[in-house]
Amino acid sequence: MYAEIAFIAYHFHWSYEAILAMEHAERRRWCEQISKINKAMSSDDNHKSLRNLGV
């Protein structure tokens, strides 16, 4: 749980209280979305965009 909170807070700058108030499944979904965004942004394929992720 602490890793999820730290991960979301680092990337989105949301408060500890706001993140902690989420259900575990919701925190996991946010972590998955952040990971997808990070992967797309660090990809060698410069033609990818956030739109490809549905964002």
N, C-alpha and C. Protein backbone atom coordinates (compact mmCIF):
# COMPACT_ATOMS: atom_id res chain seq x y z
N MET A 1 0.83 -1.19 0.00
CA MET A 1 0.00 0.00 0.00
C MET A 1 0.87 1.26 0.00
N TYR A 2 1.94 1.26 0.76
CA TYR A 2 2.80 2.44 0.81
C TYR A 2 3.43 2.72 -0.55
N ALA A 3 3.81 1.67 -1.25
CA ALA A 3 4.40 1.85 -2.58
C ALA A 3 3.40 2.48 -3.54
N GLU A 4 2.15 2.03 -3.49
CA GLU A 4 1.10 2.61 -4.34
C GLU A 4 0.90 4.09 -4.02
N ILE A 5 0.82 4.40 -2.75
CA ILE A 5 0.60 5.79 -2.33
C ILE A 5 1.77 6.66 -2.77
N ALA A 6 2.98 6.19 -2.56
CA ALA A 6 4.17 6.96 -2.95
C ALA A 6 4.21 7.16 -4.47
N PHE A 7 3.88 6.13 -5.21
CA PHE A 7 3.91 6.17 -6.67
C PHE A 7 2.92 7.20 -7.21
N ILE A 8 1.70 7.16 -6.71
CA ILE A 8 0.66 8.10 -7.17
C ILE A 8 1.00 9.52 -6.72
N ALA A 9 1.40 9.67 -5.48
CA ALA A 9 1.72 11.00 -4.96
C ALA A 9 2.88 11.62 -5.73
N TYR A 10 3.88 10.82 -6.05
CA TYR A 10 5.04 11.32 -6.79
C TYR A 10 4.64 11.83 -8.17
N HIS A 11 3.81 11.08 -8.86
CA HIS A 11 3.46 11.43 -10.23
C HIS A 11 2.34 12.46 -10.35
N PHE A 12 1.36 12.41 -9.46
CA PHE A 12 0.21 13.30 -9.58
C PHE A 12 0.18 14.39 -8.52
N HIS A 13 1.03 14.29 -7.51
CA HIS A 13 1.10 15.29 -6.44
C HIS A 13 -0.21 15.39 -5.65
N TRP A 14 -0.92 14.27 -5.57
CA TRP A 14 -2.14 14.25 -4.78
C TRP A 14 -1.76 14.05 -3.32
N SER A 15 -2.62 14.48 -2.42
CA SER A 15 -2.33 14.38 -0.99
C SER A 15 -2.41 12.93 -0.52
N TYR A 16 -1.68 12.68 0.54
CA TYR A 16 -1.70 11.36 1.18
C TYR A 16 -3.13 10.97 1.55
N GLU A 17 -3.85 11.92 2.12
CA GLU A 17 -5.22 11.65 2.57
C GLU A 17 -6.13 11.28 1.40
N ALA A 18 -5.99 11.99 0.29
CA ALA A 18 -6.83 11.71 -0.88
C ALA A 18 -6.54 10.33 -1.44
N ILE A 19 -5.27 9.98 -1.51
CA ILE A 19 -4.91 8.67 -2.05
C ILE A 19 -5.32 7.56 -1.10
N LEU A 20 -5.11 7.76 0.18
CA LEU A 20 -5.46 6.75 1.17
C LEU A 20 -6.97 6.51 1.22
N ALA A 21 -7.75 7.52 0.89
CA ALA A 21 -9.20 7.39 0.93
C ALA A 21 -9.74 6.50 -0.20
N MET A 22 -8.91 6.26 -1.21
CA MET A 22 -9.33 5.41 -2.33
C MET A 22 -9.35 3.94 -1.91
N GLU A 23 -10.21 3.19 -2.57
CA GLU A 23 -10.19 1.73 -2.42
C GLU A 23 -8.91 1.20 -3.05
N HIS A 24 -8.46 0.06 -2.58
CA HIS A 24 -7.24 -0.53 -3.11
C HIS A 24 -7.31 -0.72 -4.63
N ALA A 25 -8.43 -1.21 -5.12
CA ALA A 25 -8.58 -1.45 -6.56
C ALA A 25 -8.43 -0.15 -7.36
N GLU A 26 -8.94 0.94 -6.84
CA GLU A 26 -8.82 2.23 -7.53
C GLU A 26 -7.36 2.69 -7.55
N ARG A 27 -6.66 2.54 -6.42
CA ARG A 27 -5.24 2.90 -6.40
C ARG A 27 -4.46 2.07 -7.41
N ARG A 28 -4.76 0.79 -7.50
CA ARG A 28 -4.08 -0.08 -8.47
C ARG A 28 -4.34 0.38 -9.89
N ARG A 29 -5.57 0.78 -10.19
CA ARG A 29 -5.89 1.27 -11.54
C ARG A 29 -5.08 2.52 -11.87
N TRP A 30 -4.97 3.45 -10.90
CA TRP A 30 -4.17 4.65 -11.13
C TRP A 30 -2.71 4.29 -11.35
N CYS A 31 -2.19 3.37 -10.58
CA CYS A 31 -0.80 2.93 -10.76
C CYS A 31 -0.59 2.34 -12.14
N GLU A 32 -1.53 1.55 -12.60
CA GLU A 32 -1.44 0.95 -13.93
C GLU A 32 -1.45 2.03 -15.01
N GLN A 33 -2.32 3.02 -14.86
CA GLN A 33 -2.39 4.10 -15.85
C GLN A 33 -1.10 4.93 -15.86
N ILE A 34 -0.57 5.24 -14.70
CA ILE A 34 0.68 6.00 -14.62
C ILE A 34 1.80 5.20 -15.29
N SER A 35 1.83 3.90 -15.04
CA SER A 35 2.86 3.05 -15.65
C SER A 35 2.75 3.04 -17.16
N LYS A 36 1.52 2.98 -17.68
CA LYS A 36 1.33 3.02 -19.14
C LYS A 36 1.82 4.34 -19.71
N ILE A 37 1.50 5.43 -19.04
CA ILE A 37 1.95 6.75 -19.50
C ILE A 37 3.47 6.82 -19.49
N ASN A 38 4.09 6.38 -18.39
CA ASN A 38 5.55 6.40 -18.30
C ASN A 38 6.20 5.57 -19.39
N LYS A 39 5.64 4.39 -19.64
CA LYS A 39 6.19 3.51 -20.67
C LYS A 39 6.09 4.16 -22.04
N ALA A 40 4.95 4.77 -22.35
CA ALA A 40 4.77 5.42 -23.64
C ALA A 40 5.72 6.60 -23.81
N MET A 41 5.90 7.34 -22.75
CA MET A 41 6.76 8.53 -22.83
C MET A 41 8.23 8.18 -22.93
N SER A 42 8.63 7.03 -22.39
CA SER A 42 10.04 6.65 -22.43
C SER A 42 10.35 5.70 -23.58
N SER A 43 9.35 5.39 -24.38
CA SER A 43 9.52 4.48 -25.50
C SER A 43 10.48 5.07 -26.54
N ASP A 44 11.18 4.17 -27.20
CA ASP A 44 12.08 4.60 -28.29
C ASP A 44 11.28 5.08 -29.50
N ASP A 45 10.05 4.67 -29.59
CA ASP A 45 9.21 5.06 -30.71
C ASP A 45 8.67 6.46 -30.43
N ASN A 46 9.27 7.47 -30.98
CA ASN A 46 8.88 8.86 -30.72
C ASN A 46 7.54 9.22 -31.32
N HIS A 47 6.92 8.34 -32.10
CA HIS A 47 5.64 8.63 -32.72
C HIS A 47 4.47 8.30 -31.81
N LYS A 48 4.75 7.62 -30.70
CA LYS A 48 3.67 7.30 -29.76
C LYS A 48 3.23 8.57 -29.06
N SER A 49 1.98 8.61 -28.70
CA SER A 49 1.47 9.74 -27.93
C SER A 49 0.53 9.21 -26.85
N LEU A 50 0.15 10.09 -25.96
CA LEU A 50 -0.78 9.70 -24.90
C LEU A 50 -2.14 9.31 -25.48
N ARG A 51 -2.47 9.79 -26.66
CA ARG A 51 -3.74 9.42 -27.29
C ARG A 51 -3.80 7.92 -27.57
N ASN A 52 -2.66 7.31 -27.84
CA ASN A 52 -2.63 5.87 -28.09
C ASN A 52 -3.02 5.08 -26.85
N LEU A 53 -2.95 5.71 -25.70
CA LEU A 53 -3.29 5.06 -24.44
C LEU A 53 -4.74 5.31 -24.05
N GLY A 54 -5.42 6.09 -24.83
CA GLY A 54 -6.80 6.44 -24.49
C GLY A 54 -6.88 7.57 -23.50
N VAL A 55 -5.81 8.32 -23.35
CA VAL A 55 -5.76 9.44 -22.41
C VAL A 55 -6.14 10.71 -23.12
